Amino acid sequence: MADHNQPTKQNNMDTDPFPHIGYPIQLPQEVLDLVLNDVSDRHLDRIGTLGNLDTLRACALVTKKAWRLRAQRRTFLRCIPSHDDLNETNVPLVSSNGHITGIIDWEYHSVLPVVLAAEYPRYLRYDGIYDPRFTLEENGWWTARPEDAAKLRAIYAEAVKAQNEDYWRALIDGELLRQCYE
């Protein structure tokens, strides 16, 4: 019989990056701890298959940095709504004064600690799993050349910082953790 007080991991890493949990989460740090443990476990699994000393060092460094990030800022634990598939094809609802008031297509959504939810638009990313070296060209969604995307990410980060410095800090400091987990 299953213990309902323990998380049940049922995720398929090819399609679902976040672990499914079989019970309600009470505290945001529980989500982050599950993610960090999962990142650590996956890196240890990769070490066994790659068996390379450089890989071992890289995985140890990533795991250490990820856990340090959790202890670093309590604001990273604040949970926010996240659209897990926000892209340029989603339809924004815009008021007469130009403010976005809603988005159609909440097919994939969740509530996550801000350090996991804060991210650059995927179509401006050329890193992690969004690096063209790791995907088929026909699956590409980039709307800008890499050098233009880098400039647009910098503009995005400055706009975010002007709106909310805590979110900006999570965007910048959590980048490695998000890439590891993807």
N, C-alpha and C. Protein backbone atom coordinates (compact mmCIF):
# COMPACT_ATOMS: atom_id res chain seq x y z
N MET A 1 0.85 -1.18 0.00
CA MET A 1 0.00 0.00 0.00
C MET A 1 0.89 1.24 0.00
N ALA A 2 0.52 2.24 -0.78
CA ALA A 2 1.33 3.45 -0.92
C ALA A 2 1.25 4.32 0.32
N ASP A 3 2.36 4.93 0.65
CA ASP A 3 2.42 5.89 1.75
C ASP A 3 2.05 7.26 1.18
N HIS A 4 0.88 7.78 1.55
CA HIS A 4 0.38 9.03 0.98
C HIS A 4 1.09 10.25 1.53
N ASN A 5 1.98 10.07 2.49
CA ASN A 5 2.75 11.19 3.01
C ASN A 5 4.07 11.36 2.28
N GLN A 6 4.37 10.48 1.35
CA GLN A 6 5.62 10.56 0.60
C GLN A 6 5.31 10.86 -0.86
N PRO A 7 6.19 11.64 -1.51
CA PRO A 7 5.96 11.92 -2.93
C PRO A 7 6.10 10.65 -3.75
N THR A 8 5.30 10.56 -4.79
CA THR A 8 5.45 9.47 -5.73
C THR A 8 5.95 10.06 -7.03
N LYS A 9 7.12 9.65 -7.47
CA LYS A 9 7.68 10.16 -8.71
C LYS A 9 7.17 9.30 -9.86
N GLN A 10 6.48 9.95 -10.78
CA GLN A 10 5.92 9.24 -11.92
C GLN A 10 6.30 9.93 -13.22
N ASN A 11 7.30 10.80 -13.18
CA ASN A 11 7.55 11.60 -14.36
C ASN A 11 8.34 10.86 -15.43
N ASN A 12 8.06 11.21 -16.66
CA ASN A 12 8.81 10.75 -17.81
C ASN A 12 9.60 11.96 -18.29
N MET A 13 10.92 11.91 -18.15
CA MET A 13 11.74 13.08 -18.41
C MET A 13 11.69 13.52 -19.87
N ASP A 14 11.23 12.67 -20.78
CA ASP A 14 11.13 13.08 -22.17
C ASP A 14 9.99 14.06 -22.38
N THR A 15 8.96 13.97 -21.56
CA THR A 15 7.79 14.80 -21.79
C THR A 15 7.41 15.67 -20.60
N ASP A 16 7.90 15.38 -19.44
CA ASP A 16 7.42 16.07 -18.25
C ASP A 16 8.58 16.33 -17.29
N PRO A 17 9.10 17.57 -17.26
CA PRO A 17 10.28 17.82 -16.44
C PRO A 17 10.04 17.85 -14.95
N PHE A 18 8.83 18.10 -14.50
CA PHE A 18 8.59 18.22 -13.07
C PHE A 18 8.02 16.93 -12.50
N PRO A 19 8.50 16.51 -11.33
CA PRO A 19 8.00 15.27 -10.74
C PRO A 19 6.54 15.42 -10.33
N HIS A 20 5.77 14.38 -10.58
CA HIS A 20 4.38 14.37 -10.10
C HIS A 20 4.40 13.96 -8.64
N ILE A 21 3.58 14.60 -7.84
CA ILE A 21 3.56 14.30 -6.43
C ILE A 21 2.17 13.83 -6.08
N GLY A 22 2.10 12.75 -5.30
CA GLY A 22 0.83 12.14 -4.99
C GLY A 22 0.16 12.67 -3.74
N TYR A 23 0.51 13.85 -3.29
CA TYR A 23 -0.13 14.45 -2.12
C TYR A 23 0.00 15.97 -2.20
N PRO A 24 -0.86 16.69 -1.47
CA PRO A 24 -0.79 18.16 -1.53
C PRO A 24 0.51 18.68 -0.92
N ILE A 25 1.09 19.65 -1.55
CA ILE A 25 2.30 20.30 -1.03
C ILE A 25 1.86 21.37 -0.04
N GLN A 26 2.46 21.36 1.12
CA GLN A 26 2.11 22.33 2.15
C GLN A 26 2.98 23.58 2.09
N LEU A 27 4.25 23.41 1.76
CA LEU A 27 5.19 24.53 1.78
C LEU A 27 5.93 24.62 0.45
N PRO A 28 6.20 25.83 -0.02
CA PRO A 28 6.92 25.98 -1.29
C PRO A 28 8.28 25.30 -1.29
N GLN A 29 8.97 25.28 -0.14
CA GLN A 29 10.29 24.65 -0.15
C GLN A 29 10.21 23.16 -0.42
N GLU A 30 9.03 22.53 -0.17
CA GLU A 30 8.88 21.12 -0.51
C GLU A 30 9.01 20.91 -2.01
N VAL A 31 8.41 21.80 -2.80
CA VAL A 31 8.52 21.70 -4.26
C VAL A 31 9.97 21.85 -4.67
N LEU A 32 10.62 22.88 -4.15
CA LEU A 32 12.01 23.12 -4.51
C LEU A 32 12.91 21.97 -4.07
N ASP A 33 12.67 21.43 -2.89
CA ASP A 33 13.47 20.28 -2.43
C ASP A 33 13.28 19.07 -3.35
N LEU A 34 12.03 18.81 -3.78
CA LEU A 34 11.79 17.71 -4.70
C LEU A 34 12.55 17.91 -6.01
N VAL A 35 12.50 19.13 -6.52
CA VAL A 35 13.21 19.44 -7.76
C VAL A 35 14.71 19.27 -7.58
N LEU A 36 15.26 19.82 -6.50
CA LEU A 36 16.70 19.73 -6.26
C LEU A 36 17.14 18.28 -6.09
N ASN A 37 16.35 17.50 -5.36
CA ASN A 37 16.68 16.08 -5.20
C ASN A 37 16.64 15.36 -6.54
N ASP A 38 15.63 15.70 -7.35
CA ASP A 38 15.51 15.06 -8.66
C ASP A 38 16.67 15.45 -9.56
N VAL A 39 17.07 16.73 -9.54
CA VAL A 39 18.23 17.18 -10.32
C VAL A 39 19.46 16.42 -9.88
N SER A 40 19.67 16.33 -8.57
CA SER A 40 20.84 15.62 -8.05
C SER A 40 20.82 14.16 -8.48
N ASP A 41 19.67 13.50 -8.36
CA ASP A 41 19.56 12.08 -8.73
C ASP A 41 19.86 11.88 -10.22
N ARG A 42 19.30 12.75 -11.06
CA ARG A 42 19.53 12.61 -12.49
C ARG A 42 20.99 12.82 -12.85
N HIS A 43 21.64 13.78 -12.18
CA HIS A 43 23.06 13.99 -12.47
C HIS A 43 23.88 12.80 -12.02
N LEU A 44 23.53 12.19 -10.90
CA LEU A 44 24.25 10.99 -10.46
C LEU A 44 24.04 9.85 -11.44
N ASP A 45 22.80 9.72 -11.97
CA ASP A 45 22.54 8.68 -12.97
C ASP A 45 23.39 8.90 -14.22
N ARG A 46 23.52 10.15 -14.64
CA ARG A 46 24.32 10.45 -15.84
C ARG A 46 25.79 10.13 -15.62
N ILE A 47 26.27 10.34 -14.41
CA ILE A 47 27.67 10.03 -14.12
C ILE A 47 27.92 8.55 -14.37
N GLY A 48 26.97 7.71 -13.94
CA GLY A 48 27.13 6.28 -14.13
C GLY A 48 27.17 5.89 -15.60
N THR A 49 26.39 6.56 -16.44
CA THR A 49 26.38 6.21 -17.86
C THR A 49 27.53 6.84 -18.61
N LEU A 50 27.94 8.03 -18.23
CA LEU A 50 29.03 8.69 -18.95
C LEU A 50 30.39 8.30 -18.40
N GLY A 51 30.46 8.05 -17.08
CA GLY A 51 31.66 7.56 -16.46
C GLY A 51 32.90 8.41 -16.65
N ASN A 52 32.76 9.66 -16.81
CA ASN A 52 33.86 10.55 -17.14
C ASN A 52 34.13 11.46 -15.95
N LEU A 53 35.40 11.66 -15.60
CA LEU A 53 35.75 12.47 -14.44
C LEU A 53 35.30 13.92 -14.60
N ASP A 54 35.39 14.47 -15.81
CA ASP A 54 34.92 15.84 -16.04
C ASP A 54 33.42 15.93 -15.79
N THR A 55 32.69 14.91 -16.21
CA THR A 55 31.24 14.88 -15.98
C THR A 55 30.95 14.83 -14.49
N LEU A 56 31.70 14.01 -13.77
CA LEU A 56 31.54 13.91 -12.33
C LEU A 56 31.74 15.27 -11.67
N ARG A 57 32.79 15.96 -12.06
CA ARG A 57 33.06 17.29 -11.49
C ARG A 57 31.96 18.28 -11.84
N ALA A 58 31.53 18.28 -13.10
CA ALA A 58 30.49 19.21 -13.53
C ALA A 58 29.18 18.95 -12.78
N CYS A 59 28.81 17.69 -12.65
CA CYS A 59 27.57 17.35 -11.96
C CYS A 59 27.64 17.71 -10.48
N ALA A 60 28.78 17.48 -9.87
CA ALA A 60 28.94 17.85 -8.46
C ALA A 60 28.83 19.36 -8.28
N LEU A 61 29.42 20.11 -9.20
CA LEU A 61 29.35 21.58 -9.13
C LEU A 61 27.91 22.06 -9.30
N VAL A 62 27.21 21.51 -10.28
CA VAL A 62 25.82 21.90 -10.53
C VAL A 62 24.96 21.61 -9.31
N THR A 63 25.11 20.43 -8.75
CA THR A 63 24.32 20.05 -7.57
C THR A 63 24.62 20.96 -6.40
N LYS A 64 25.88 21.25 -6.17
CA LYS A 64 26.28 22.14 -5.07
C LYS A 64 25.69 23.54 -5.26
N LYS A 65 25.79 24.07 -6.48
CA LYS A 65 25.25 25.41 -6.74
C LYS A 65 23.73 25.43 -6.58
N ALA A 66 23.07 24.37 -7.03
CA ALA A 66 21.61 24.32 -6.93
C ALA A 66 21.16 24.33 -5.47
N TRP A 67 21.82 23.54 -4.62
CA TRP A 67 21.44 23.51 -3.21
C TRP A 67 21.79 24.82 -2.52
N ARG A 68 22.88 25.46 -2.91
CA ARG A 68 23.24 26.75 -2.33
C ARG A 68 22.17 27.79 -2.68
N LEU A 69 21.65 27.69 -3.89
CA LEU A 69 20.61 28.61 -4.34
C LEU A 69 19.38 28.51 -3.44
N ARG A 70 19.00 27.31 -3.03
CA ARG A 70 17.83 27.13 -2.18
C ARG A 70 18.01 27.85 -0.85
N ALA A 71 19.21 27.79 -0.30
CA ALA A 71 19.47 28.41 1.00
C ALA A 71 19.69 29.92 0.88
N GLN A 72 19.99 30.37 -0.31
CA GLN A 72 20.41 31.75 -0.51
C GLN A 72 19.30 32.78 -0.26
N ARG A 73 18.15 32.57 -0.81
CA ARG A 73 17.10 33.60 -0.74
C ARG A 73 15.73 32.98 -0.46
N ARG A 74 15.12 33.43 0.60
CA ARG A 74 13.78 32.96 0.92
C ARG A 74 12.77 33.44 -0.12
N THR A 75 13.04 34.59 -0.76
CA THR A 75 12.10 35.09 -1.76
C THR A 75 11.98 34.15 -2.95
N PHE A 76 12.99 33.29 -3.18
CA PHE A 76 12.92 32.34 -4.28
C PHE A 76 11.84 31.29 -4.05
N LEU A 77 11.41 31.13 -2.80
CA LEU A 77 10.42 30.11 -2.47
C LEU A 77 8.98 30.58 -2.68
N ARG A 78 8.80 31.88 -2.85
CA ARG A 78 7.44 32.40 -3.06
C ARG A 78 6.85 31.77 -4.32
N CYS A 79 5.66 31.22 -4.21
CA CYS A 79 5.03 30.55 -5.36
C CYS A 79 4.23 31.55 -6.19
N ILE A 80 4.31 31.37 -7.50
CA ILE A 80 3.58 32.24 -8.43
C ILE A 80 2.95 31.37 -9.51
N PRO A 81 1.88 31.86 -10.14
CA PRO A 81 1.32 31.13 -11.28
C PRO A 81 2.32 31.16 -12.44
N SER A 82 2.38 30.06 -13.16
CA SER A 82 3.32 29.97 -14.28
C SER A 82 2.62 29.36 -15.48
N HIS A 83 2.82 29.96 -16.63
CA HIS A 83 2.33 29.39 -17.89
C HIS A 83 3.50 28.60 -18.46
N ASP A 84 3.41 27.28 -18.43
CA ASP A 84 4.54 26.42 -18.77
C ASP A 84 4.77 26.28 -20.26
N ASP A 85 3.95 26.91 -21.07
CA ASP A 85 4.09 26.83 -22.52
C ASP A 85 3.87 28.19 -23.16
N LEU A 86 4.22 29.26 -22.46
CA LEU A 86 4.00 30.60 -22.99
C LEU A 86 4.92 30.82 -24.18
N ASN A 87 4.35 31.17 -25.30
CA ASN A 87 5.16 31.43 -26.49
C ASN A 87 4.47 32.46 -27.37
N GLU A 88 5.11 32.78 -28.48
CA GLU A 88 4.62 33.85 -29.34
C GLU A 88 3.30 33.52 -30.01
N THR A 89 2.85 32.27 -29.97
CA THR A 89 1.58 31.92 -30.60
C THR A 89 0.40 32.00 -29.64
N ASN A 90 0.65 32.20 -28.35
CA ASN A 90 -0.44 32.40 -27.40
C ASN A 90 -1.10 33.75 -27.68
N VAL A 91 -2.37 33.86 -27.41
CA VAL A 91 -3.12 35.07 -27.72
C VAL A 91 -3.26 35.92 -26.47
N PRO A 92 -2.61 37.11 -26.44
CA PRO A 92 -2.79 37.98 -25.29
C PRO A 92 -4.09 38.78 -25.42
N LEU A 93 -4.75 39.01 -24.31
CA LEU A 93 -5.91 39.89 -24.26
C LEU A 93 -5.40 41.24 -23.80
N VAL A 94 -5.58 42.26 -24.64
CA VAL A 94 -5.00 43.57 -24.37
C VAL A 94 -6.12 44.59 -24.18
N SER A 95 -5.99 45.39 -23.11
CA SER A 95 -6.99 46.43 -22.85
C SER A 95 -6.78 47.60 -23.81
N SER A 96 -7.72 48.54 -23.80
CA SER A 96 -7.63 49.69 -24.71
C SER A 96 -6.41 50.56 -24.44
N ASN A 97 -5.86 50.50 -23.22
CA ASN A 97 -4.65 51.29 -22.92
C ASN A 97 -3.37 50.48 -23.13
N GLY A 98 -3.47 49.29 -23.72
CA GLY A 98 -2.28 48.53 -24.07
C GLY A 98 -1.76 47.56 -23.03
N HIS A 99 -2.45 47.41 -21.90
CA HIS A 99 -2.00 46.47 -20.87
C HIS A 99 -2.52 45.06 -21.17
N ILE A 100 -1.66 44.07 -20.98
CA ILE A 100 -2.09 42.68 -21.15
C ILE A 100 -2.94 42.32 -19.94
N THR A 101 -4.17 41.91 -20.20
CA THR A 101 -5.10 41.58 -19.12
C THR A 101 -5.36 40.09 -19.00
N GLY A 102 -4.91 39.32 -19.97
CA GLY A 102 -5.11 37.88 -19.92
C GLY A 102 -4.41 37.21 -21.08
N ILE A 103 -4.36 35.89 -21.02
CA ILE A 103 -3.74 35.11 -22.09
C ILE A 103 -4.63 33.90 -22.35
N ILE A 104 -4.99 33.71 -23.62
CA ILE A 104 -5.74 32.53 -24.01
C ILE A 104 -4.74 31.42 -24.25
N ASP A 105 -5.06 30.22 -23.83
CA ASP A 105 -4.21 29.03 -23.94
C ASP A 105 -3.47 28.79 -22.65
N TRP A 106 -4.21 28.45 -21.62
CA TRP A 106 -3.59 28.05 -20.35
C TRP A 106 -3.56 26.53 -20.29
N GLU A 107 -3.27 25.92 -21.43
CA GLU A 107 -3.23 24.46 -21.50
C GLU A 107 -2.25 23.88 -20.49
N TYR A 108 -1.08 24.47 -20.40
CA TYR A 108 -0.06 24.02 -19.45
C TYR A 108 0.17 25.14 -18.45
N HIS A 109 -0.21 24.91 -17.22
CA HIS A 109 0.02 25.93 -16.20
C HIS A 109 0.28 25.23 -14.87
N SER A 110 0.91 25.97 -13.98
CA SER A 110 1.23 25.43 -12.67
C SER A 110 1.48 26.58 -11.71
N VAL A 111 1.67 26.24 -10.47
CA VAL A 111 2.10 27.20 -9.46
C VAL A 111 3.44 26.69 -8.96
N LEU A 112 4.48 27.50 -9.14
CA LEU A 112 5.85 27.07 -8.83
C LEU A 112 6.56 28.11 -7.99
N PRO A 113 7.60 27.70 -7.26
CA PRO A 113 8.46 28.70 -6.63
C PRO A 113 9.03 29.61 -7.72
N VAL A 114 9.13 30.88 -7.43
CA VAL A 114 9.53 31.87 -8.44
C VAL A 114 10.87 31.52 -9.08
N VAL A 115 11.77 30.88 -8.35
CA VAL A 115 13.08 30.55 -8.91
C VAL A 115 12.96 29.54 -10.06
N LEU A 116 11.88 28.76 -10.10
CA LEU A 116 11.65 27.84 -11.20
C LEU A 116 10.75 28.44 -12.27
N ALA A 117 9.88 29.36 -11.89
CA ALA A 117 8.93 29.93 -12.84
C ALA A 117 9.50 31.10 -13.63
N ALA A 118 10.41 31.86 -13.04
CA ALA A 118 10.98 33.02 -13.72
C ALA A 118 11.89 32.53 -14.84
N GLU A 119 11.57 32.86 -16.06
CA GLU A 119 12.42 32.43 -17.16
C GLU A 119 12.29 33.39 -18.34
N TYR A 120 13.29 33.35 -19.18
CA TYR A 120 13.23 34.12 -20.42
C TYR A 120 12.25 33.43 -21.35
N PRO A 121 11.62 34.19 -22.27
CA PRO A 121 10.77 33.52 -23.26
C PRO A 121 11.59 32.46 -24.01
N ARG A 122 11.03 31.31 -24.18
CA ARG A 122 11.77 30.19 -24.77
C ARG A 122 12.24 30.48 -26.19
N TYR A 123 11.46 31.24 -26.93
CA TYR A 123 11.84 31.53 -28.31
C TYR A 123 13.01 32.51 -28.41
N LEU A 124 13.48 33.02 -27.26
CA LEU A 124 14.68 33.87 -27.23
C LEU A 124 15.87 33.14 -26.64
N ARG A 125 15.68 31.88 -26.30
CA ARG A 125 16.77 31.13 -25.64
C ARG A 125 17.51 30.26 -26.64
N TYR A 126 18.79 30.21 -26.46
CA TYR A 126 19.67 29.34 -27.24
C TYR A 126 20.55 28.55 -26.30
N ASP A 127 20.05 28.24 -25.11
CA ASP A 127 20.84 27.52 -24.11
C ASP A 127 20.07 26.31 -23.61
N GLY A 128 20.75 25.47 -22.83
CA GLY A 128 20.08 24.30 -22.27
C GLY A 128 19.41 23.46 -23.34
N ILE A 129 18.21 22.99 -23.08
CA ILE A 129 17.51 22.16 -24.06
C ILE A 129 17.01 22.97 -25.24
N TYR A 130 17.11 24.29 -25.18
CA TYR A 130 16.69 25.14 -26.28
C TYR A 130 17.85 25.47 -27.21
N ASP A 131 18.99 24.88 -26.98
CA ASP A 131 20.14 25.03 -27.85
C ASP A 131 19.84 24.26 -29.14
N PRO A 132 19.98 24.88 -30.31
CA PRO A 132 19.66 24.19 -31.57
C PRO A 132 20.45 22.89 -31.77
N ARG A 133 21.56 22.73 -31.09
CA ARG A 133 22.33 21.48 -31.22
C ARG A 133 21.58 20.30 -30.62
N PHE A 134 20.59 20.56 -29.76
CA PHE A 134 19.92 19.49 -29.05
C PHE A 134 18.47 19.29 -29.49
N THR A 135 18.09 19.86 -30.61
CA THR A 135 16.72 19.69 -31.10
C THR A 135 16.74 19.61 -32.62
N LEU A 136 15.70 19.05 -33.18
CA LEU A 136 15.59 18.99 -34.64
C LEU A 136 15.27 20.38 -35.16
N GLU A 137 15.83 20.72 -36.30
CA GLU A 137 15.64 22.06 -36.85
C GLU A 137 14.16 22.36 -37.10
N GLU A 138 13.40 21.36 -37.56
CA GLU A 138 11.98 21.61 -37.83
C GLU A 138 11.19 21.84 -36.54
N ASN A 139 11.75 21.48 -35.39
CA ASN A 139 11.10 21.75 -34.12
C ASN A 139 11.50 23.11 -33.55
N GLY A 140 12.34 23.83 -34.26
CA GLY A 140 12.82 25.12 -33.78
C GLY A 140 11.71 26.15 -33.72
N TRP A 141 11.82 27.06 -32.80
CA TRP A 141 10.80 28.09 -32.61
C TRP A 141 11.45 29.45 -32.45
N TRP A 142 12.71 29.55 -32.79
CA TRP A 142 13.43 30.80 -32.57
C TRP A 142 12.92 31.86 -33.52
N THR A 143 12.68 33.03 -32.99
CA THR A 143 12.17 34.14 -33.79
C THR A 143 13.23 35.20 -34.00
N ALA A 144 14.44 34.93 -33.55
CA ALA A 144 15.54 35.89 -33.70
C ALA A 144 16.85 35.12 -33.85
N ARG A 145 17.81 35.75 -34.51
CA ARG A 145 19.14 35.16 -34.60
C ARG A 145 19.75 35.13 -33.20
N PRO A 146 20.72 34.25 -32.93
CA PRO A 146 21.30 34.15 -31.59
C PRO A 146 21.80 35.48 -31.03
N GLU A 147 22.49 36.27 -31.84
CA GLU A 147 23.00 37.55 -31.33
C GLU A 147 21.87 38.54 -31.03
N ASP A 148 20.81 38.52 -31.85
CA ASP A 148 19.66 39.39 -31.57
C ASP A 148 18.90 38.89 -30.34
N ALA A 149 18.79 37.58 -30.21
CA ALA A 149 18.10 37.00 -29.04
C ALA A 149 18.83 37.39 -27.76
N ALA A 150 20.16 37.40 -27.78
CA ALA A 150 20.93 37.80 -26.59
C ALA A 150 20.61 39.25 -26.21
N LYS A 151 20.52 40.11 -27.20
CA LYS A 151 20.17 41.53 -26.93
C LYS A 151 18.75 41.62 -26.38
N LEU A 152 17.84 40.86 -26.96
CA LEU A 152 16.45 40.88 -26.50
C LEU A 152 16.31 40.33 -25.09
N ARG A 153 17.11 39.31 -24.75
CA ARG A 153 17.10 38.79 -23.37
C ARG A 153 17.59 39.85 -22.39
N ALA A 154 18.59 40.62 -22.78
CA ALA A 154 19.09 41.70 -21.91
C ALA A 154 18.02 42.76 -21.72
N ILE A 155 17.33 43.11 -22.78
CA ILE A 155 16.23 44.09 -22.69
C ILE A 155 15.13 43.54 -21.80
N TYR A 156 14.80 42.26 -21.98
CA TYR A 156 13.78 41.60 -21.16
C TYR A 156 14.17 41.65 -19.69
N ALA A 157 15.42 41.31 -19.38
CA ALA A 157 15.89 41.31 -17.99
C ALA A 157 15.79 42.70 -17.38
N GLU A 158 16.16 43.72 -18.12
CA GLU A 158 16.07 45.09 -17.60
C GLU A 158 14.61 45.50 -17.37
N ALA A 159 13.72 45.11 -18.27
CA ALA A 159 12.30 45.42 -18.09
C ALA A 159 11.75 44.71 -16.86
N VAL A 160 12.15 43.46 -16.66
CA VAL A 160 11.72 42.70 -15.48
C VAL A 160 12.25 43.37 -14.22
N LYS A 161 13.51 43.76 -14.23
CA LYS A 161 14.13 44.40 -13.06
C LYS A 161 13.40 45.68 -12.69
N ALA A 162 12.99 46.45 -13.69
CA ALA A 162 12.26 47.70 -13.43
C ALA A 162 10.90 47.43 -12.79
N GLN A 163 10.30 46.27 -13.10
CA GLN A 163 8.98 45.93 -12.57
C GLN A 163 9.05 45.27 -11.20
N ASN A 164 10.01 44.35 -11.01
CA ASN A 164 10.05 43.58 -9.77
C ASN A 164 11.46 43.00 -9.58
N GLU A 165 12.21 43.57 -8.66
CA GLU A 165 13.60 43.16 -8.48
C GLU A 165 13.73 41.74 -7.93
N ASP A 166 12.79 41.29 -7.11
CA ASP A 166 12.85 39.91 -6.61
C ASP A 166 12.69 38.91 -7.75
N TYR A 167 11.75 39.18 -8.64
CA TYR A 167 11.54 38.30 -9.80
C TYR A 167 12.78 38.32 -10.69
N TRP A 168 13.35 39.50 -10.90
CA TRP A 168 14.57 39.63 -11.70
C TRP A 168 15.70 38.81 -11.09
N ARG A 169 15.87 38.89 -9.78
CA ARG A 169 16.94 38.15 -9.11
C ARG A 169 16.72 36.64 -9.31
N ALA A 170 15.47 36.19 -9.22
CA ALA A 170 15.17 34.77 -9.46
C ALA A 170 15.46 34.40 -10.92
N LEU A 171 15.14 35.30 -11.84
CA LEU A 171 15.42 35.08 -13.27
C LEU A 171 16.91 34.87 -13.50
N ILE A 172 17.72 35.75 -12.92
CA ILE A 172 19.17 35.71 -13.13
C ILE A 172 19.82 34.56 -12.34
N ASP A 173 19.55 34.51 -11.04
CA ASP A 173 20.23 33.53 -10.18
C ASP A 173 19.74 32.10 -10.38
N GLY A 174 18.51 31.94 -10.84
CA GLY A 174 17.96 30.60 -11.00
C GLY A 174 18.18 29.98 -12.37
N GLU A 175 18.88 30.69 -13.24
CA GLU A 175 19.03 30.21 -14.62
C GLU A 175 19.69 28.83 -14.70
N LEU A 176 20.76 28.62 -13.97
CA LEU A 176 21.45 27.33 -14.00
C LEU A 176 20.55 26.21 -13.47
N LEU A 177 19.84 26.47 -12.38
CA LEU A 177 18.94 25.45 -11.83
C LEU A 177 17.87 25.07 -12.85
N ARG A 178 17.27 26.07 -13.50
CA ARG A 178 16.23 25.76 -14.49
C ARG A 178 16.81 24.96 -15.66
N GLN A 179 18.00 25.32 -16.11
CA GLN A 179 18.62 24.57 -17.21
C GLN A 179 18.91 23.13 -16.80
N CYS A 180 19.37 22.94 -15.58
CA CYS A 180 19.66 21.58 -15.10
C CYS A 180 18.39 20.75 -15.06
N TYR A 181 17.31 21.37 -14.65
CA TYR A 181 16.08 20.61 -14.47
C TYR A 181 15.37 20.33 -15.79
N GLU A 182 15.59 21.20 -16.76
CA GLU A 182 14.94 20.98 -18.06
C GLU A 182 15.46 19.71 -18.66
